[in-house]
Each structure stands twice: as structure tokens, then as C-alpha cells.
PDB file of all heavy atoms in Angstrom:
ATOM      1  N   ALA A   1       0.794  -1.236   0.016  1.00  0.00           N
ATOM      2  CA  ALA A   1      -0.070   0.033  -0.045  1.00  0.00           C
ATOM      3  C   ALA A   1       0.882   1.314  -0.009  1.00  0.00           C
ATOM      4  O   ALA A   1       0.497   2.199  -0.593  1.00  0.00           O
ATOM      5  CB  ALA A   1      -0.956   0.037   1.180  1.00  0.00           C
ATOM      6  N   SER A   2       2.048   1.159   0.735  1.00  0.00           N
ATOM      7  CA  SER A   2       2.877   2.446   0.728  1.00  0.00           C
ATOM      8  C   SER A   2       4.242   1.927   0.361  1.00  0.00           C
ATOM      9  O   SER A   2       4.539   1.568  -0.753  1.00  0.00           O
ATOM     10  CB  SER A   2       2.837   3.075   2.098  1.00  0.00           C
ATOM     11  OG  SER A   2       3.159   2.211   3.138  1.00  0.00           O
ATOM     12  N   GLN A   3       5.145   1.860   1.410  1.00  0.00           N
ATOM     13  CA  GLN A   3       6.517   1.479   1.151  1.00  0.00           C
ATOM     14  C   GLN A   3       6.525  -0.101   1.273  1.00  0.00           C
ATOM     15  O   GLN A   3       5.807  -0.641   1.945  1.00  0.00           O
ATOM     16  CB  GLN A   3       7.488   2.065   2.144  1.00  0.00           C
ATOM     17  CG  GLN A   3       7.188   1.750   3.562  1.00  0.00           C
ATOM     18  CD  GLN A   3       8.109   2.545   4.506  1.00  0.00           C
ATOM     19  OE1 GLN A   3       8.663   3.491   4.108  1.00  0.00           O
ATOM     20  NE2 GLN A   3       7.951   2.231   5.684  1.00  0.00           N
ATOM     21  N   GLY A   4       7.675  -0.581   0.707  1.00  0.00           N
ATOM     22  CA  GLY A   4       7.882  -2.104   0.864  1.00  0.00           C
ATOM     23  C   GLY A   4       8.089  -2.792  -0.565  1.00  0.00           C
ATOM     24  O   GLY A   4       8.227  -2.066  -1.461  1.00  0.00           O
ATOM     25  N   ILE A   5       8.212  -4.021  -0.420  1.00  0.00           N
ATOM     26  CA  ILE A   5       8.614  -4.785  -1.696  1.00  0.00           C
ATOM     27  C   ILE A   5       7.510  -5.641  -2.157  1.00  0.00           C
ATOM     28  O   ILE A   5       6.800  -6.264  -1.232  1.00  0.00           O
ATOM     29  CB  ILE A   5       9.860  -5.661  -1.454  1.00  0.00           C
ATOM     30  CG1 ILE A   5      11.009  -4.855  -0.994  1.00  0.00           C
ATOM     31  CG2 ILE A   5      10.171  -6.581  -2.475  1.00  0.00           C
ATOM     32  CD1 ILE A   5      12.125  -5.573  -0.421  1.00  0.00           C
ATOM     33  N   PRO A   6       7.178  -5.533  -3.384  1.00  0.00           N
ATOM     34  CA  PRO A   6       6.028  -6.349  -3.950  1.00  0.00           C
ATOM     35  C   PRO A   6       6.332  -7.861  -3.889  1.00  0.00           C
ATOM     36  O   PRO A   6       7.595  -8.320  -3.816  1.00  0.00           O
ATOM     37  CB  PRO A   6       6.012  -6.141  -5.554  1.00  0.00           C
ATOM     38  CG  PRO A   6       6.675  -4.776  -5.614  1.00  0.00           C
ATOM     39  CD  PRO A   6       7.755  -4.696  -4.535  1.00  0.00           C
ATOM     40  N   ILE A   7       5.249  -8.635  -3.462  1.00  0.00           N
ATOM     41  CA  ILE A   7       5.499 -10.155  -3.424  1.00  0.00           C
ATOM     42  C   ILE A   7       4.693 -10.678  -4.565  1.00  0.00           C
ATOM     43  O   ILE A   7       3.507 -10.382  -4.883  1.00  0.00           O
ATOM     44  CB  ILE A   7       4.772 -10.583  -2.029  1.00  0.00           C
ATOM     45  CG1 ILE A   7       5.487  -9.993  -0.860  1.00  0.00           C
ATOM     46  CG2 ILE A   7       4.778 -12.152  -1.945  1.00  0.00           C
ATOM     47  CD1 ILE A   7       4.783 -10.246   0.487  1.00  0.00           C
ATOM     48  N   LEU A   8       5.327 -11.666  -5.190  1.00  0.00           N
ATOM     49  CA  LEU A   8       4.801 -12.260  -6.417  1.00  0.00           C
ATOM     50  C   LEU A   8       4.473 -13.776  -6.004  1.00  0.00           C
ATOM     51  O   LEU A   8       5.352 -14.445  -5.493  1.00  0.00           O
ATOM     52  CB  LEU A   8       5.640 -12.393  -7.575  1.00  0.00           C
ATOM     53  CG  LEU A   8       6.115 -11.040  -8.124  1.00  0.00           C
ATOM     54  CD1 LEU A   8       7.046 -11.168  -9.394  1.00  0.00           C
ATOM     55  CD2 LEU A   8       4.968  -9.993  -8.583  1.00  0.00           C
ATOM     56  N   LEU A   9       3.181 -14.139  -6.107  1.00  0.00           N
ATOM     57  CA  LEU A   9       2.835 -15.530  -5.742  1.00  0.00           C
ATOM     58  C   LEU A   9       2.770 -16.368  -6.982  1.00  0.00           C
ATOM     59  O   LEU A   9       2.141 -15.943  -7.932  1.00  0.00           O
ATOM     60  CB  LEU A   9       1.413 -15.514  -5.058  1.00  0.00           C
ATOM     61  CG  LEU A   9       1.346 -14.728  -3.773  1.00  0.00           C
ATOM     62  CD1 LEU A   9      -0.174 -14.658  -3.281  1.00  0.00           C
ATOM     63  CD2 LEU A   9       2.221 -15.166  -2.832  1.00  0.00           C
ATOM     64  N   HIS A  10       3.543 -17.376  -7.037  1.00  0.00           N
ATOM     65  CA  HIS A  10       3.643 -18.230  -8.213  1.00  0.00           C
ATOM     66  C   HIS A  10       3.173 -19.548  -7.858  1.00  0.00           C
ATOM     67  O   HIS A  10       3.584 -20.150  -6.815  1.00  0.00           O
ATOM     68  CB  HIS A  10       5.065 -18.322  -8.643  1.00  0.00           C
ATOM     69  CG  HIS A  10       5.312 -18.834  -9.986  1.00  0.00           C
ATOM     70  ND1 HIS A  10       5.052 -20.179 -10.240  1.00  0.00           N
ATOM     71  CD2 HIS A  10       5.782 -18.324 -11.196  1.00  0.00           C
ATOM     72  CE1 HIS A  10       5.348 -20.457 -11.555  1.00  0.00           C
ATOM     73  NE2 HIS A  10       5.790 -19.285 -12.089  1.00  0.00           N
ATOM     74  N   ALA A  11       2.345 -20.238  -8.673  1.00  0.00           N
ATOM     75  CA  ALA A  11       1.981 -21.601  -8.368  1.00  0.00           C
ATOM     76  C   ALA A  11       3.009 -22.585  -8.225  1.00  0.00           C
ATOM     77  O   ALA A  11       3.943 -22.607  -9.133  1.00  0.00           O
ATOM     78  CB  ALA A  11       0.946 -22.055  -9.398  1.00  0.00           C
ATOM     79  N   ALA A  12       3.199 -23.331  -7.034  1.00  0.00           N
ATOM     80  CA  ALA A  12       4.185 -24.267  -6.849  1.00  0.00           C
ATOM     81  C   ALA A  12       3.986 -25.616  -7.714  1.00  0.00           C
ATOM     82  O   ALA A  12       2.889 -25.990  -7.971  1.00  0.00           O
ATOM     83  CB  ALA A  12       4.212 -24.600  -5.426  1.00  0.00           C
ATOM     84  N   ALA A  13       4.990 -26.124  -8.284  1.00  0.00           N
ATOM     85  CA  ALA A  13       4.988 -27.321  -9.063  1.00  0.00           C
ATOM     86  C   ALA A  13       4.575 -28.442  -8.305  1.00  0.00           C
ATOM     87  O   ALA A  13       4.756 -28.363  -6.971  1.00  0.00           O
ATOM     88  CB  ALA A  13       6.416 -27.578  -9.699  1.00  0.00           C
ATOM     89  N   LYS A  14       3.958 -29.428  -8.764  1.00  0.00           N
ATOM     90  CA  LYS A  14       3.470 -30.639  -8.046  1.00  0.00           C
ATOM     91  C   LYS A  14       4.505 -31.204  -6.984  1.00  0.00           C
ATOM     92  O   LYS A  14       4.118 -31.497  -5.919  1.00  0.00           O
ATOM     93  CB  LYS A  14       3.134 -31.780  -9.098  1.00  0.00           C
ATOM     94  CG  LYS A  14       2.023 -32.673  -8.668  1.00  0.00           C
ATOM     95  CD  LYS A  14       1.771 -33.723  -9.719  1.00  0.00           C
ATOM     96  CE  LYS A  14       0.394 -33.390 -10.215  1.00  0.00           C
ATOM     97  NZ  LYS A  14      -0.108 -34.393 -11.260  1.00  0.00           N
ATOM     98  N   GLY A  15       5.743 -31.385  -7.368  1.00  0.00           N
ATOM     99  CA  GLY A  15       6.756 -31.909  -6.541  1.00  0.00           C
ATOM    100  C   GLY A  15       7.464 -30.897  -5.591  1.00  0.00           C
ATOM    101  O   GLY A  15       8.308 -31.241  -4.803  1.00  0.00           O
ATOM    102  N   GLN A  16       7.169 -29.629  -5.724  1.00  0.00           N
ATOM    103  CA  GLN A  16       7.780 -28.536  -4.985  1.00  0.00           C
ATOM    104  C   GLN A  16       7.160 -28.428  -3.628  1.00  0.00           C
ATOM    105  O   GLN A  16       6.061 -28.422  -3.374  1.00  0.00           O
ATOM    106  CB  GLN A  16       7.668 -27.340  -5.769  1.00  0.00           C
ATOM    107  CG  GLN A  16       8.476 -26.153  -5.252  1.00  0.00           C
ATOM    108  CD  GLN A  16       8.488 -24.935  -6.071  1.00  0.00           C
ATOM    109  OE1 GLN A  16       7.545 -24.823  -7.000  1.00  0.00           O
ATOM    110  NE2 GLN A  16       9.480 -24.164  -6.010  1.00  0.00           N
ATOM    111  N   LYS A  17       8.090 -28.451  -2.575  1.00  0.00           N
ATOM    112  CA  LYS A  17       7.616 -28.413  -1.277  1.00  0.00           C
ATOM    113  C   LYS A  17       7.449 -26.890  -0.879  1.00  0.00           C
ATOM    114  O   LYS A  17       8.520 -26.103  -1.084  1.00  0.00           O
ATOM    115  CB  LYS A  17       8.617 -28.907  -0.318  1.00  0.00           C
ATOM    116  CG  LYS A  17       8.342 -29.092   1.066  1.00  0.00           C
ATOM    117  CD  LYS A  17       9.276 -29.834   1.890  1.00  0.00           C
ATOM    118  CE  LYS A  17       9.049 -29.781   3.376  1.00  0.00           C
ATOM    119  NZ  LYS A  17      10.062 -30.412   4.206  1.00  0.00           N
ATOM    120  N   GLU A  18       6.503 -26.561  -0.217  1.00  0.00           N
ATOM    121  CA  GLU A  18       6.237 -25.127   0.224  1.00  0.00           C
ATOM    122  C   GLU A  18       7.026 -24.781   1.439  1.00  0.00           C
ATOM    123  O   GLU A  18       7.243 -25.756   2.316  1.00  0.00           O
ATOM    124  CB  GLU A  18       4.767 -24.799   0.492  1.00  0.00           C
ATOM    125  CG  GLU A  18       3.845 -24.875  -0.735  1.00  0.00           C
ATOM    126  CD  GLU A  18       2.409 -24.561  -0.394  1.00  0.00           C
ATOM    127  OE1 GLU A  18       1.767 -25.483   0.311  1.00  0.00           O
ATOM    128  OE2 GLU A  18       1.801 -23.545  -0.824  1.00  0.00           O
ATOM    129  N   GLY A  19       7.497 -23.547   1.683  1.00  0.00           N
ATOM    130  CA  GLY A  19       8.108 -23.104   2.824  1.00  0.00           C
ATOM    131  C   GLY A  19       9.428 -23.692   3.136  1.00  0.00           C
ATOM    132  O   GLY A  19       9.983 -23.759   4.187  1.00  0.00           O
ATOM    133  N   GLN A  20      10.093 -24.178   1.914  1.00  0.00           N
ATOM    134  CA  GLN A  20      11.342 -24.859   2.122  1.00  0.00           C
ATOM    135  C   GLN A  20      12.619 -23.935   2.108  1.00  0.00           C
ATOM    136  O   GLN A  20      13.671 -24.395   2.637  1.00  0.00           O
ATOM    137  CB  GLN A  20      11.563 -25.983   1.101  1.00  0.00           C
ATOM    138  CG  GLN A  20      11.645 -25.357  -0.324  1.00  0.00           C
ATOM    139  CD  GLN A  20      11.676 -26.535  -1.373  1.00  0.00           C
ATOM    140  OE1 GLN A  20      11.571 -27.609  -1.014  1.00  0.00           O
ATOM    141  NE2 GLN A  20      11.792 -26.151  -2.578  1.00  0.00           N
ATOM    142  N   ALA A  21      12.392 -22.823   1.781  1.00  0.00           N
ATOM    143  CA  ALA A  21      13.698 -21.874   1.627  1.00  0.00           C
ATOM    144  C   ALA A  21      13.889 -21.266   3.052  1.00  0.00           C
ATOM    145  O   ALA A  21      12.997 -21.164   3.899  1.00  0.00           O
ATOM    146  CB  ALA A  21      13.400 -20.726   0.760  1.00  0.00           C
ATOM    147  N   CYS A  22      15.199 -21.043   3.245  1.00  0.00           N
ATOM    148  CA  CYS A  22      15.626 -20.473   4.588  1.00  0.00           C
ATOM    149  C   CYS A  22      15.481 -18.880   4.471  1.00  0.00           C
ATOM    150  O   CYS A  22      16.356 -18.202   4.372  1.00  0.00           O
ATOM    151  CB  CYS A  22      17.062 -20.852   4.812  1.00  0.00           C
ATOM    152  SG  CYS A  22      17.206 -22.587   5.261  1.00  0.00           S
ATOM    153  N   VAL A  23      14.219 -18.419   4.442  1.00  0.00           N
ATOM    154  CA  VAL A  23      14.062 -17.011   4.221  1.00  0.00           C
ATOM    155  C   VAL A  23      12.928 -16.659   5.368  1.00  0.00           C
ATOM    156  O   VAL A  23      12.106 -17.464   5.662  1.00  0.00           O
ATOM    157  CB  VAL A  23      13.467 -16.727   2.893  1.00  0.00           C
ATOM    158  CG1 VAL A  23      12.973 -15.268   2.769  1.00  0.00           C
ATOM    159  CG2 VAL A  23      14.570 -17.000   1.801  1.00  0.00           C
ATOM    160  N   LYS A  24      13.148 -15.409   5.846  1.00  0.00           N
ATOM    161  CA  LYS A  24      12.059 -14.833   6.703  1.00  0.00           C
ATOM    162  C   LYS A  24      11.715 -13.589   6.194  1.00  0.00           C
ATOM    163  O   LYS A  24      12.546 -12.685   5.955  1.00  0.00           O
ATOM    164  CB  LYS A  24      12.579 -14.771   8.161  1.00  0.00           C
ATOM    165  CG  LYS A  24      11.478 -14.134   9.048  1.00  0.00           C
ATOM    166  CD  LYS A  24      12.051 -14.004  10.448  1.00  0.00           C
ATOM    167  CE  LYS A  24      11.942 -15.223  11.148  1.00  0.00           C
ATOM    168  NZ  LYS A  24      12.399 -15.086  12.626  1.00  0.00           N
ATOM    169  N   LEU A  25      10.414 -13.241   6.092  1.00  0.00           N
ATOM    170  CA  LEU A  25       9.996 -12.016   5.667  1.00  0.00           C
ATOM    171  C   LEU A  25       9.669 -11.083   6.839  1.00  0.00           C
ATOM    172  O   LEU A  25       8.845 -11.561   7.767  1.00  0.00           O
ATOM    173  CB  LEU A  25       8.555 -12.024   4.817  1.00  0.00           C
ATOM    174  CG  LEU A  25       8.755 -12.912   3.546  1.00  0.00           C
ATOM    175  CD1 LEU A  25       7.186 -13.015   2.895  1.00  0.00           C
ATOM    176  CD2 LEU A  25       9.623 -12.496   2.572  1.00  0.00           C
ATOM    177  N   VAL A  26      10.245 -10.002   6.917  1.00  0.00           N
ATOM    178  CA  VAL A  26      10.239  -9.115   8.167  1.00  0.00           C
ATOM    179  C   VAL A  26       9.484  -7.846   7.717  1.00  0.00           C
ATOM    180  O   VAL A  26       9.949  -7.189   6.873  1.00  0.00           O
ATOM    181  CB  VAL A  26      11.646  -8.815   8.786  1.00  0.00           C
ATOM    182  CG1 VAL A  26      11.507  -7.895  10.089  1.00  0.00           C
ATOM    183  CG2 VAL A  26      12.322 -10.159   9.059  1.00  0.00           C
ATOM    184  N   PHE A  27       8.371  -7.673   8.419  1.00  0.00           N
ATOM    185  CA  PHE A  27       7.564  -6.415   8.275  1.00  0.00           C
ATOM    186  C   PHE A  27       7.786  -5.440   9.310  1.00  0.00           C
ATOM    187  O   PHE A  27       7.817  -5.834  10.470  1.00  0.00           O
ATOM    188  CB  PHE A  27       6.125  -6.824   8.159  1.00  0.00           C
ATOM    189  CG  PHE A  27       5.851  -7.598   6.880  1.00  0.00           C
ATOM    190  CD1 PHE A  27       5.972  -9.033   6.912  1.00  0.00           C
ATOM    191  CD2 PHE A  27       5.427  -7.001   5.609  1.00  0.00           C
ATOM    192  CE1 PHE A  27       5.595  -9.710   5.807  1.00  0.00           C
ATOM    193  CE2 PHE A  27       5.115  -7.646   4.631  1.00  0.00           C
ATOM    194  CZ  PHE A  27       5.302  -9.057   4.594  1.00  0.00           C
ATOM    195  N   ASP A  28       8.201  -4.249   8.939  1.00  0.00           N
ATOM    196  CA  ASP A  28       8.560  -3.216  10.006  1.00  0.00           C
ATOM    197  C   ASP A  28       7.184  -2.651  10.418  1.00  0.00           C
ATOM    198  O   ASP A  28       6.391  -2.197   9.793  1.00  0.00           O
ATOM    199  CB  ASP A  28       9.272  -2.038   9.372  1.00  0.00           C
ATOM    200  CG  ASP A  28      10.646  -2.599   8.797  1.00  0.00           C
ATOM    201  OD1 ASP A  28      11.117  -3.414   9.552  1.00  0.00           O
ATOM    202  OD2 ASP A  28      11.133  -2.110   7.832  1.00  0.00           O
ATOM    203  N   VAL A  29       6.980  -2.629  11.787  1.00  0.00           N
ATOM    204  CA  VAL A  29       5.784  -1.971  12.442  1.00  0.00           C
ATOM    205  C   VAL A  29       6.282  -1.102  13.603  1.00  0.00           C
ATOM    206  O   VAL A  29       7.234  -1.500  14.230  1.00  0.00           O
ATOM    207  CB  VAL A  29       4.744  -3.075  12.929  1.00  0.00           C
ATOM    208  CG1 VAL A  29       4.315  -3.847  11.806  1.00  0.00           C
ATOM    209  CG2 VAL A  29       5.257  -4.021  13.956  1.00  0.00           C
ATOM    210  N   LYS A  30       5.580  -0.172  13.982  1.00  0.00           N
ATOM    211  CA  LYS A  30       5.950   0.625  15.125  1.00  0.00           C
ATOM    212  C   LYS A  30       5.633   0.042  16.471  1.00  0.00           C
ATOM    213  O   LYS A  30       6.361   0.168  17.335  1.00  0.00           O
ATOM    214  CB  LYS A  30       5.195   2.082  14.900  1.00  0.00           C
ATOM    215  CG  LYS A  30       5.762   2.909  13.896  1.00  0.00           C
ATOM    216  CD  LYS A  30       5.102   4.309  13.944  1.00  0.00           C
ATOM    217  CE  LYS A  30       5.633   5.217  12.939  1.00  0.00           C
ATOM    218  NZ  LYS A  30       5.050   6.488  12.869  1.00  0.00           N
ATOM    219  N   ASP A  31       4.421  -0.599  16.475  1.00  0.00           N
ATOM    220  CA  ASP A  31       4.013  -1.313  17.829  1.00  0.00           C
ATOM    221  C   ASP A  31       3.683  -2.683  17.619  1.00  0.00           C
ATOM    222  O   ASP A  31       2.593  -3.083  17.045  1.00  0.00           O
ATOM    223  CB  ASP A  31       2.756  -0.405  18.287  1.00  0.00           C
ATOM    224  CG  ASP A  31       2.385  -0.896  19.620  1.00  0.00           C
ATOM    225  OD1 ASP A  31       2.647  -2.018  20.065  1.00  0.00           O
ATOM    226  OD2 ASP A  31       1.736   0.014  20.294  1.00  0.00           O
ATOM    227  N   VAL A  32       4.650  -3.554  17.939  1.00  0.00           N
ATOM    228  CA  VAL A  32       4.350  -5.100  17.631  1.00  0.00           C
ATOM    229  C   VAL A  32       3.267  -5.459  18.523  1.00  0.00           C
ATOM    230  O   VAL A  32       2.477  -6.386  18.020  1.00  0.00           O
ATOM    231  CB  VAL A  32       5.773  -5.779  18.129  1.00  0.00           C
ATOM    232  CG1 VAL A  32       5.456  -7.264  18.083  1.00  0.00           C
ATOM    233  CG2 VAL A  32       6.933  -5.332  17.153  1.00  0.00           C
ATOM    234  N   ILE A  33       3.038  -5.073  19.723  1.00  0.00           N
ATOM    235  CA  ILE A  33       1.951  -5.610  20.571  1.00  0.00           C
ATOM    236  C   ILE A  33       0.576  -5.248  19.900  1.00  0.00           C
ATOM    237  O   ILE A  33      -0.195  -6.076  19.867  1.00  0.00           O
ATOM    238  CB  ILE A  33       2.066  -4.985  22.045  1.00  0.00           C
ATOM    239  CG1 ILE A  33       3.163  -5.700  22.625  1.00  0.00           C
ATOM    240  CG2 ILE A  33       0.801  -5.373  22.738  1.00  0.00           C
ATOM    241  CD1 ILE A  33       3.615  -5.008  24.068  1.00  0.00           C
ATOM    242  N   ALA A  34       0.581  -4.019  19.577  1.00  0.00           N
ATOM    243  CA  ALA A  34      -0.826  -3.538  18.840  1.00  0.00           C
ATOM    244  C   ALA A  34      -0.972  -4.310  17.533  1.00  0.00           C
ATOM    245  O   ALA A  34      -2.154  -4.733  17.318  1.00  0.00           O
ATOM    246  CB  ALA A  34      -0.762  -2.070  18.594  1.00  0.00           C
ATOM    247  N   PHE A  35       0.041  -4.526  16.821  1.00  0.00           N
ATOM    248  CA  PHE A  35      -0.120  -5.100  15.497  1.00  0.00           C
ATOM    249  C   PHE A  35      -0.510  -6.578  15.764  1.00  0.00           C
ATOM    250  O   PHE A  35      -1.541  -7.026  15.115  1.00  0.00           O
ATOM    251  CB  PHE A  35       1.093  -5.022  14.745  1.00  0.00           C
ATOM    252  CG  PHE A  35       0.940  -5.689  13.353  1.00  0.00           C
ATOM    253  CD1 PHE A  35       0.695  -5.037  12.270  1.00  0.00           C
ATOM    254  CD2 PHE A  35       1.198  -7.114  13.245  1.00  0.00           C
ATOM    255  CE1 PHE A  35       0.501  -5.586  10.954  1.00  0.00           C
ATOM    256  CE2 PHE A  35       0.999  -7.633  11.857  1.00  0.00           C
ATOM    257  CZ  PHE A  35       0.683  -6.871  10.826  1.00  0.00           C
ATOM    258  N   THR A  36       0.096  -7.213  16.665  1.00  0.00           N
ATOM    259  CA  THR A  36      -0.220  -8.706  16.833  1.00  0.00           C
ATOM    260  C   THR A  36      -1.559  -8.853  17.481  1.00  0.00           C
ATOM    261  O   THR A  36      -2.226  -9.893  17.320  1.00  0.00           O
ATOM    262  CB  THR A  36       0.864  -9.439  17.779  1.00  0.00           C
ATOM    263  OG1 THR A  36       0.979  -8.758  18.956  1.00  0.00           O
ATOM    264  CG2 THR A  36       2.305  -9.434  17.010  1.00  0.00           C
ATOM    265  N   THR A  37      -2.038  -7.887  18.279  1.00  0.00           N
ATOM    266  CA  THR A  37      -3.342  -8.007  18.800  1.00  0.00           C
ATOM    267  C   THR A  37      -4.462  -7.829  17.698  1.00  0.00           C
ATOM    268  O   THR A  37      -5.350  -8.810  17.602  1.00  0.00           O
ATOM    269  CB  THR A  37      -3.605  -6.943  19.810  1.00  0.00           C
ATOM    270  OG1 THR A  37      -2.611  -7.004  20.887  1.00  0.00           O
ATOM    271  CG2 THR A  37      -5.061  -6.812  20.505  1.00  0.00           C
ATOM    272  N   VAL A  38      -4.197  -6.962  16.686  1.00  0.00           N
ATOM    273  CA  VAL A  38      -5.059  -6.695  15.658  1.00  0.00           C
ATOM    274  C   VAL A  38      -5.073  -8.093  14.722  1.00  0.00           C
ATOM    275  O   VAL A  38      -6.108  -8.419  14.281  1.00  0.00           O
ATOM    276  CB  VAL A  38      -4.930  -5.467  14.834  1.00  0.00           C
ATOM    277  CG1 VAL A  38      -5.633  -5.380  13.593  1.00  0.00           C
ATOM    278  CG2 VAL A  38      -5.159  -4.255  15.705  1.00  0.00           C
ATOM    279  N   ALA A  39      -3.943  -8.511  14.547  1.00  0.00           N
ATOM    280  CA  ALA A  39      -3.642  -9.778  13.678  1.00  0.00           C
ATOM    281  C   ALA A  39      -4.416 -10.894  14.317  1.00  0.00           C
ATOM    282  O   ALA A  39      -5.143 -11.652  13.568  1.00  0.00           O
ATOM    283  CB  ALA A  39      -2.238  -9.999  13.589  1.00  0.00           C
TER     284      ALA A  39
END
């Protein structure tokens, strides 16, 4: 919606395992407690 990096969702192949990469997407928020409460 404002700043950040676009995320492209691509259909995984039949034999491809999801969530297998060693990557963490980190989203910057001012108030973690407030954000997680709303989430």
C-alpha cells in the first residue's frame, strides 16, 4: 500500500515443497503488541 517490496505469488509445481527456503519476511511496524493484537 505504501513502502515495501512487492510479493509475487507463483503456483508451486507438483513436487515442489512449500516453505522450504531459509527465508524470513520481516515487516516493519511501530508497535508489535498492537499489531499482533489486531492480527
